[in-house]
Amino acid sequence: MDKDADTPPARSPTATQRRWLERGLDQPGGKLPLFDGNGRRIADNTVRSCLERGWVEPWFANPLKPDWLVCRLTEAGRKAAGEG
């Protein structure tokens, strides 16, 4: 079975996804924030869609909020954030 068949098609991030991904570019380990610049939590659909596309990966479990995903950029995420 071709493993690429299970990989979602390459796609450019939306403006919202790109803004979030860009915030990890200058962070140690590519860590992505849980909150935007206005103090609002990053939307779950933004996080999950980036996970599905392989742009981010879970980094560690958040013991205070186990339902919140703490993520970091993957190499594909670095490339997606740098597009355009």
PDB file of N, CA and C in Angstrom:
ATOM      1  N   MET A   1       0.841  -1.182   0.000  1.00  0.00           N
ATOM      2  CA  MET A   1       0.000   0.000   0.000  1.00  0.00           C
ATOM      3  C   MET A   1       0.879   1.235   0.000  1.00  0.00           C
ATOM      4  N   ASP A   2       0.551   2.204  -0.826  1.00  0.00           N
ATOM      5  CA  ASP A   2       1.306   3.435  -0.943  1.00  0.00           C
ATOM      6  C   ASP A   2       0.992   4.335   0.242  1.00  0.00           C
ATOM      7  N   LYS A   3       2.007   4.654   1.047  1.00  0.00           N
ATOM      8  CA  LYS A   3       1.751   5.473   2.223  1.00  0.00           C
ATOM      9  C   LYS A   3       1.309   6.874   1.861  1.00  0.00           C
ATOM     10  N   ASP A   4       1.677   7.372   0.671  1.00  0.00           N
ATOM     11  CA  ASP A   4       1.256   8.688   0.247  1.00  0.00           C
ATOM     12  C   ASP A   4      -0.243   8.757   0.016  1.00  0.00           C
ATOM     13  N   ALA A   5      -0.885   7.629  -0.208  1.00  0.00           N
ATOM     14  CA  ALA A   5      -2.329   7.610  -0.415  1.00  0.00           C
ATOM     15  C   ALA A   5      -3.069   8.049   0.848  1.00  0.00           C
ATOM     16  N   ASP A   6      -2.447   7.880   2.025  1.00  0.00           N
ATOM     17  CA  ASP A   6      -3.062   8.279   3.286  1.00  0.00           C
ATOM     18  C   ASP A   6      -2.746   9.719   3.657  1.00  0.00           C
ATOM     19  N   THR A   7      -1.868  10.384   2.918  1.00  0.00           N
ATOM     20  CA  THR A   7      -1.463  11.739   3.215  1.00  0.00           C
ATOM     21  C   THR A   7      -2.422  12.717   2.549  1.00  0.00           C
ATOM     22  N   PRO A   8      -2.933  13.686   3.327  1.00  0.00           N
ATOM     23  CA  PRO A   8      -3.829  14.660   2.711  1.00  0.00           C
ATOM     24  C   PRO A   8      -3.102  15.433   1.609  1.00  0.00           C
ATOM     25  N   PRO A   9      -3.806  15.877   0.596  1.00  0.00           N
ATOM     26  CA  PRO A   9      -3.157  16.619  -0.470  1.00  0.00           C
ATOM     27  C   PRO A   9      -2.530  17.903   0.059  1.00  0.00           C
ATOM     28  N   ALA A  10      -1.399  18.281  -0.533  1.00  0.00           N
ATOM     29  CA  ALA A  10      -0.725  19.506  -0.127  1.00  0.00           C
ATOM     30  C   ALA A  10      -1.651  20.678  -0.419  1.00  0.00           C
ATOM     31  N   ARG A  11      -1.664  21.621   0.463  1.00  0.00           N
ATOM     32  CA  ARG A  11      -2.522  22.771   0.332  1.00  0.00           C
ATOM     33  C   ARG A  11      -1.889  23.925   1.085  1.00  0.00           C
ATOM     34  N   SER A  12      -2.098  25.116   0.623  1.00  0.00           N
ATOM     35  CA  SER A  12      -1.589  26.281   1.333  1.00  0.00           C
ATOM     36  C   SER A  12      -2.469  26.561   2.541  1.00  0.00           C
ATOM     37  N   PRO A  13      -1.865  27.048   3.606  1.00  0.00           N
ATOM     38  CA  PRO A  13      -2.674  27.375   4.785  1.00  0.00           C
ATOM     39  C   PRO A  13      -3.559  28.597   4.534  1.00  0.00           C
ATOM     40  N   THR A  14      -4.670  28.656   5.248  1.00  0.00           N
ATOM     41  CA  THR A  14      -5.516  29.844   5.224  1.00  0.00           C
ATOM     42  C   THR A  14      -4.757  30.966   5.930  1.00  0.00           C
ATOM     43  N   ALA A  15      -5.270  32.175   5.846  1.00  0.00           N
ATOM     44  CA  ALA A  15      -4.626  33.309   6.520  1.00  0.00           C
ATOM     45  C   ALA A  15      -4.548  33.070   8.027  1.00  0.00           C
ATOM     46  N   THR A  16      -5.608  32.533   8.609  1.00  0.00           N
ATOM     47  CA  THR A  16      -5.624  32.253  10.055  1.00  0.00           C
ATOM     48  C   THR A  16      -4.598  31.188  10.411  1.00  0.00           C
ATOM     49  N   GLN A  17      -4.559  30.109   9.639  1.00  0.00           N
ATOM     50  CA  GLN A  17      -3.586  29.048   9.895  1.00  0.00           C
ATOM     51  C   GLN A  17      -2.167  29.580   9.750  1.00  0.00           C
ATOM     52  N   ARG A  18      -1.922  30.357   8.691  1.00  0.00           N
ATOM     53  CA  ARG A  18      -0.580  30.887   8.452  1.00  0.00           C
ATOM     54  C   ARG A  18      -0.128  31.788   9.597  1.00  0.00           C
ATOM     55  N   ARG A  19      -1.014  32.667  10.086  1.00  0.00           N
ATOM     56  CA  ARG A  19      -0.646  33.544  11.214  1.00  0.00           C
ATOM     57  C   ARG A  19      -0.216  32.722  12.424  1.00  0.00           C
ATOM     58  N   TRP A  20      -0.967  31.643  12.701  1.00  0.00           N
ATOM     59  CA  TRP A  20      -0.633  30.803  13.849  1.00  0.00           C
ATOM     60  C   TRP A  20       0.683  30.085  13.612  1.00  0.00           C
ATOM     61  N   LEU A  21       0.868  29.501  12.436  1.00  0.00           N
ATOM     62  CA  LEU A  21       2.108  28.787  12.121  1.00  0.00           C
ATOM     63  C   LEU A  21       3.315  29.721  12.193  1.00  0.00           C
ATOM     64  N   GLU A  22       3.172  30.931  11.692  1.00  0.00           N
ATOM     65  CA  GLU A  22       4.282  31.887  11.697  1.00  0.00           C
ATOM     66  C   GLU A  22       4.761  32.196  13.108  1.00  0.00           C
ATOM     67  N   ARG A  23       3.859  32.147  14.064  1.00  0.00           N
ATOM     68  CA  ARG A  23       4.232  32.460  15.450  1.00  0.00           C
ATOM     69  C   ARG A  23       5.179  31.420  16.045  1.00  0.00           C
ATOM     70  N   GLY A  24       5.231  30.239  15.455  1.00  0.00           N
ATOM     71  CA  GLY A  24       6.145  29.213  15.941  1.00  0.00           C
ATOM     72  C   GLY A  24       7.535  29.291  15.326  1.00  0.00           C
ATOM     73  N   LEU A  25       7.695  30.080  14.263  1.00  0.00           N
ATOM     74  CA  LEU A  25       8.974  30.116  13.550  1.00  0.00           C
ATOM     75  C   LEU A  25      10.137  30.590  14.407  1.00  0.00           C
ATOM     76  N   ASP A  26       9.894  31.519  15.311  1.00  0.00           N
ATOM     77  CA  ASP A  26      10.993  32.043  16.128  1.00  0.00           C
ATOM     78  C   ASP A  26      10.972  31.539  17.569  1.00  0.00           C
ATOM     79  N   GLN A  27      10.180  30.512  17.817  1.00  0.00           N
ATOM     80  CA  GLN A  27      10.094  29.946  19.163  1.00  0.00           C
ATOM     81  C   GLN A  27      10.989  28.712  19.298  1.00  0.00           C
ATOM     82  N   PRO A  28      11.570  28.509  20.479  1.00  0.00           N
ATOM     83  CA  PRO A  28      12.381  27.300  20.685  1.00  0.00           C
ATOM     84  C   PRO A  28      11.573  26.046  20.377  1.00  0.00           C
ATOM     85  N   GLY A  29      12.124  25.196  19.544  1.00  0.00           N
ATOM     86  CA  GLY A  29      11.464  23.944  19.192  1.00  0.00           C
ATOM     87  C   GLY A  29      10.246  24.121  18.299  1.00  0.00           C
ATOM     88  N   GLY A  30       9.978  25.354  17.857  1.00  0.00           N
ATOM     89  CA  GLY A  30       8.808  25.596  17.021  1.00  0.00           C
ATOM     90  C   GLY A  30       7.500  25.566  17.782  1.00  0.00           C
ATOM     91  N   LYS A  31       7.561  25.793  19.114  1.00  0.00           N
ATOM     92  CA  LYS A  31       6.355  25.739  19.943  1.00  0.00           C
ATOM     93  C   LYS A  31       5.340  26.772  19.477  1.00  0.00           C
ATOM     94  N   LEU A  32       4.097  26.339  19.385  1.00  0.00           N
ATOM     95  CA  LEU A  32       3.010  27.216  18.962  1.00  0.00           C
ATOM     96  C   LEU A  32       2.203  27.668  20.169  1.00  0.00           C
ATOM     97  N   PRO A  33       1.735  28.918  20.141  1.00  0.00           N
ATOM     98  CA  PRO A  33       0.993  29.440  21.287  1.00  0.00           C
ATOM     99  C   PRO A  33      -0.410  28.858  21.384  1.00  0.00           C
ATOM    100  N   LEU A  34      -0.928  28.874  22.593  1.00  0.00           N
ATOM    101  CA  LEU A  34      -2.304  28.441  22.827  1.00  0.00           C
ATOM    102  C   LEU A  34      -3.274  29.604  22.641  1.00  0.00           C
ATOM    103  N   PHE A  35      -2.738  30.850  22.670  1.00  0.00           N
ATOM    104  CA  PHE A  35      -3.566  32.046  22.593  1.00  0.00           C
ATOM    105  C   PHE A  35      -3.044  32.977  21.508  1.00  0.00           C
ATOM    106  N   ASP A  36      -3.961  33.740  20.912  1.00  0.00           N
ATOM    107  CA  ASP A  36      -3.559  34.702  19.885  1.00  0.00           C
ATOM    108  C   ASP A  36      -3.029  35.976  20.552  1.00  0.00           C
ATOM    109  N   GLY A  37      -2.668  36.959  19.753  1.00  0.00           N
ATOM    110  CA  GLY A  37      -2.103  38.203  20.270  1.00  0.00           C
ATOM    111  C   GLY A  37      -3.072  39.013  21.111  1.00  0.00           C
ATOM    112  N   ASN A  38      -4.361  38.712  21.038  1.00  0.00           N
ATOM    113  CA  ASN A  38      -5.379  39.400  21.838  1.00  0.00           C
ATOM    114  C   ASN A  38      -5.785  38.610  23.072  1.00  0.00           C
ATOM    115  N   GLY A  39      -5.101  37.510  23.342  1.00  0.00           N
ATOM    116  CA  GLY A  39      -5.405  36.704  24.519  1.00  0.00           C
ATOM    117  C   GLY A  39      -6.525  35.694  24.335  1.00  0.00           C
ATOM    118  N   ARG A  40      -7.005  35.541  23.105  1.00  0.00           N
ATOM    119  CA  ARG A  40      -8.055  34.542  22.839  1.00  0.00           C
ATOM    120  C   ARG A  40      -7.426  33.206  22.483  1.00  0.00           C
ATOM    121  N   ARG A  41      -8.043  32.156  22.964  1.00  0.00           N
ATOM    122  CA  ARG A  41      -7.548  30.809  22.675  1.00  0.00           C
ATOM    123  C   ARG A  41      -7.602  30.538  21.170  1.00  0.00           C
ATOM    124  N   ILE A  42      -6.563  29.890  20.649  1.00  0.00           N
ATOM    125  CA  ILE A  42      -6.546  29.488  19.243  1.00  0.00           C
ATOM    126  C   ILE A  42      -7.664  28.471  19.042  1.00  0.00           C
ATOM    127  N   ALA A  43      -8.446  28.666  17.996  1.00  0.00           N
ATOM    128  CA  ALA A  43      -9.606  27.800  17.734  1.00  0.00           C
ATOM    129  C   ALA A  43      -9.184  26.350  17.518  1.00  0.00           C
ATOM    130  N   ASP A  44      -9.957  25.435  18.088  1.00  0.00           N
ATOM    131  CA  ASP A  44      -9.679  24.003  17.933  1.00  0.00           C
ATOM    132  C   ASP A  44      -9.621  23.591  16.467  1.00  0.00           C
ATOM    133  N   ASN A  45     -10.509  24.165  15.634  1.00  0.00           N
ATOM    134  CA  ASN A  45     -10.511  23.760  14.228  1.00  0.00           C
ATOM    135  C   ASN A  45      -9.223  24.201  13.524  1.00  0.00           C
ATOM    136  N   THR A  46      -8.631  25.300  13.947  1.00  0.00           N
ATOM    137  CA  THR A  46      -7.345  25.720  13.380  1.00  0.00           C
ATOM    138  C   THR A  46      -6.263  24.718  13.752  1.00  0.00           C
ATOM    139  N   VAL A  47      -6.212  24.348  15.013  1.00  0.00           N
ATOM    140  CA  VAL A  47      -5.208  23.397  15.493  1.00  0.00           C
ATOM    141  C   VAL A  47      -5.386  22.039  14.812  1.00  0.00           C
ATOM    142  N   ARG A  48      -6.597  21.535  14.802  1.00  0.00           N
ATOM    143  CA  ARG A  48      -6.848  20.202  14.233  1.00  0.00           C
ATOM    144  C   ARG A  48      -6.603  20.158  12.726  1.00  0.00           C
ATOM    145  N   SER A  49      -6.976  21.204  12.013  1.00  0.00           N
ATOM    146  CA  SER A  49      -6.740  21.195  10.570  1.00  0.00           C
ATOM    147  C   SER A  49      -5.243  21.237  10.264  1.00  0.00           C
ATOM    148  N   CYS A  50      -4.482  21.950  11.066  1.00  0.00           N
ATOM    149  CA  CYS A  50      -3.025  21.973  10.878  1.00  0.00           C
ATOM    150  C   CYS A  50      -2.408  20.617  11.220  1.00  0.00           C
ATOM    151  N   LEU A  51      -2.951  19.952  12.229  1.00  0.00           N
ATOM    152  CA  LEU A  51      -2.497  18.597  12.561  1.00  0.00           C
ATOM    153  C   LEU A  51      -2.771  17.640  11.405  1.00  0.00           C
ATOM    154  N   GLU A  52      -3.976  17.713  10.853  1.00  0.00           N
ATOM    155  CA  GLU A  52      -4.367  16.818   9.762  1.00  0.00           C
ATOM    156  C   GLU A  52      -3.493  16.992   8.524  1.00  0.00           C
ATOM    157  N   ARG A  53      -3.007  18.192   8.310  1.00  0.00           N
ATOM    158  CA  ARG A  53      -2.173  18.470   7.138  1.00  0.00           C
ATOM    159  C   ARG A  53      -0.688  18.244   7.409  1.00  0.00           C
ATOM    160  N   GLY A  54      -0.359  17.860   8.644  1.00  0.00           N
ATOM    161  CA  GLY A  54       1.035  17.557   8.964  1.00  0.00           C
ATOM    162  C   GLY A  54       1.915  18.774   9.197  1.00  0.00           C
ATOM    163  N   TRP A  55       1.292  19.941   9.389  1.00  0.00           N
ATOM    164  CA  TRP A  55       2.059  21.163   9.614  1.00  0.00           C
ATOM    165  C   TRP A  55       2.497  21.302  11.061  1.00  0.00           C
ATOM    166  N   VAL A  56       1.781  20.655  11.975  1.00  0.00           N
ATOM    167  CA  VAL A  56       2.127  20.666  13.394  1.00  0.00           C
ATOM    168  C   VAL A  56       2.012  19.245  13.930  1.00  0.00           C
ATOM    169  N   GLU A  57       2.615  19.058  15.088  1.00  0.00           N
ATOM    170  CA  GLU A  57       2.505  17.774  15.778  1.00  0.00           C
ATOM    171  C   GLU A  57       2.332  18.046  17.264  1.00  0.00           C
ATOM    172  N   PRO A  58       1.635  17.155  17.965  1.00  0.00           N
ATOM    173  CA  PRO A  58       1.508  17.331  19.415  1.00  0.00           C
ATOM    174  C   PRO A  58       2.895  17.311  20.050  1.00  0.00           C
ATOM    175  N   TRP A  59       3.102  18.183  21.025  1.00  0.00           N
ATOM    176  CA  TRP A  59       4.411  18.244  21.667  1.00  0.00           C
ATOM    177  C   TRP A  59       4.377  17.562  23.027  1.00  0.00           C
ATOM    178  N   PHE A  60       3.465  17.986  23.881  1.00  0.00           N
ATOM    179  CA  PHE A  60       3.326  17.339  25.181  1.00  0.00           C
ATOM    180  C   PHE A  60       1.919  17.577  25.713  1.00  0.00           C
ATOM    181  N   ALA A  61       1.547  16.797  26.684  1.00  0.00           N
ATOM    182  CA  ALA A  61       0.223  16.930  27.296  1.00  0.00           C
ATOM    183  C   ALA A  61       0.234  18.105  28.266  1.00  0.00           C
ATOM    184  N   ASN A  62      -0.835  18.879  28.248  1.00  0.00           N
ATOM    185  CA  ASN A  62      -0.991  19.998  29.159  1.00  0.00           C
ATOM    186  C   ASN A  62      -1.728  19.472  30.397  1.00  0.00           C
ATOM    187  N   PRO A  63      -1.030  19.339  31.539  1.00  0.00           N
ATOM    188  CA  PRO A  63      -1.678  18.744  32.716  1.00  0.00           C
ATOM    189  C   PRO A  63      -2.824  19.592  33.273  1.00  0.00           C
ATOM    190  N   LEU A  64      -2.789  20.900  33.063  1.00  0.00           N
ATOM    191  CA  LEU A  64      -3.851  21.755  33.586  1.00  0.00           C
ATOM    192  C   LEU A  64      -5.096  21.744  32.697  1.00  0.00           C
ATOM    193  N   LYS A  65      -4.898  21.558  31.412  1.00  0.00           N
ATOM    194  CA  LYS A  65      -5.997  21.525  30.445  1.00  0.00           C
ATOM    195  C   LYS A  65      -5.749  20.376  29.476  1.00  0.00           C
ATOM    196  N   PRO A  66      -6.048  19.143  29.877  1.00  0.00           N
ATOM    197  CA  PRO A  66      -5.725  17.995  29.030  1.00  0.00           C
ATOM    198  C   PRO A  66      -6.408  17.991  27.670  1.00  0.00           C
ATOM    199  N   ASP A  67      -7.498  18.746  27.502  1.00  0.00           N
ATOM    200  CA  ASP A  67      -8.163  18.794  26.203  1.00  0.00           C
ATOM    201  C   ASP A  67      -7.521  19.815  25.258  1.00  0.00           C
ATOM    202  N   TRP A  68      -6.549  20.598  25.737  1.00  0.00           N
ATOM    203  CA  TRP A  68      -5.844  21.562  24.896  1.00  0.00           C
ATOM    204  C   TRP A  68      -4.596  20.899  24.334  1.00  0.00           C
ATOM    205  N   LEU A  69      -4.383  21.045  23.051  1.00  0.00           N
ATOM    206  CA  LEU A  69      -3.209  20.468  22.402  1.00  0.00           C
ATOM    207  C   LEU A  69      -2.068  21.477  22.372  1.00  0.00           C
ATOM    208  N   VAL A  70      -0.938  21.108  22.952  1.00  0.00           N
ATOM    209  CA  VAL A  70       0.272  21.920  22.859  1.00  0.00           C
ATOM    210  C   VAL A  70       1.046  21.353  21.678  1.00  0.00           C
ATOM    211  N   CYS A  71       1.237  22.178  20.652  1.00  0.00           N
ATOM    212  CA  CYS A  71       1.834  21.693  19.407  1.00  0.00           C
ATOM    213  C   CYS A  71       3.114  22.440  19.059  1.00  0.00           C
ATOM    214  N   ARG A  72       3.850  21.839  18.158  1.00  0.00           N
ATOM    215  CA  ARG A  72       5.031  22.484  17.590  1.00  0.00           C
ATOM    216  C   ARG A  72       5.018  22.259  16.085  1.00  0.00           C
ATOM    217  N   LEU A  73       5.752  23.115  15.398  1.00  0.00           N
ATOM    218  CA  LEU A  73       5.834  23.028  13.949  1.00  0.00           C
ATOM    219  C   LEU A  73       6.588  21.787  13.499  1.00  0.00           C
ATOM    220  N   THR A  74       6.166  21.239  12.397  1.00  0.00           N
ATOM    221  CA  THR A  74       6.939  20.205  11.712  1.00  0.00           C
ATOM    222  C   THR A  74       7.722  20.919  10.606  1.00  0.00           C
ATOM    223  N   GLU A  75       8.569  20.196   9.910  1.00  0.00           N
ATOM    224  CA  GLU A  75       9.294  20.790   8.789  1.00  0.00           C
ATOM    225  C   GLU A  75       8.302  21.268   7.725  1.00  0.00           C
ATOM    226  N   ALA A  76       7.257  20.482   7.485  1.00  0.00           N
ATOM    227  CA  ALA A  76       6.224  20.890   6.526  1.00  0.00           C
ATOM    228  C   ALA A  76       5.532  22.167   6.991  1.00  0.00           C
ATOM    229  N   GLY A  77       5.343  22.307   8.300  1.00  0.00           N
ATOM    230  CA  GLY A  77       4.725  23.510   8.853  1.00  0.00           C
ATOM    231  C   GLY A  77       5.596  24.730   8.687  1.00  0.00           C
ATOM    232  N   ARG A  78       6.908  24.539   8.846  1.00  0.00           N
ATOM    233  CA  ARG A  78       7.841  25.650   8.616  1.00  0.00           C
ATOM    234  C   ARG A  78       7.769  26.114   7.168  1.00  0.00           C
ATOM    235  N   LYS A  79       7.700  25.170   6.260  1.00  0.00           N
ATOM    236  CA  LYS A  79       7.587  25.520   4.837  1.00  0.00           C
ATOM    237  C   LYS A  79       6.254  26.202   4.559  1.00  0.00           C
ATOM    238  N   ALA A  80       5.169  25.687   5.127  1.00  0.00           N
ATOM    239  CA  ALA A  80       3.850  26.280   4.907  1.00  0.00           C
ATOM    240  C   ALA A  80       3.799  27.706   5.460  1.00  0.00           C
ATOM    241  N   ALA A  81       4.421  27.939   6.585  1.00  0.00           N
ATOM    242  CA  ALA A  81       4.416  29.275   7.188  1.00  0.00           C
ATOM    243  C   ALA A  81       5.243  30.260   6.388  1.00  0.00           C
ATOM    244  N   GLY A  82       6.236  29.744   5.665  1.00  0.00           N
ATOM    245  CA  GLY A  82       7.104  30.603   4.893  1.00  0.00           C
ATOM    246  C   GLY A  82       6.649  30.835   3.469  1.00  0.00           C
ATOM    247  N   GLU A  83       5.574  30.200   3.045  1.00  0.00           N
ATOM    248  CA  GLU A  83       5.076  30.363   1.678  1.00  0.00           C
ATOM    249  C   GLU A  83       4.570  31.777   1.470  1.00  0.00           C
ATOM    250  N   GLY A  84       4.660  32.226   0.203  1.00  0.00           N
ATOM    251  CA  GLY A  84       4.056  33.498  -0.179  1.00  0.00           C
ATOM    252  C   GLY A  84       4.661  34.626   0.524  1.00  0.00           C
TER     253      GLY A  84
END
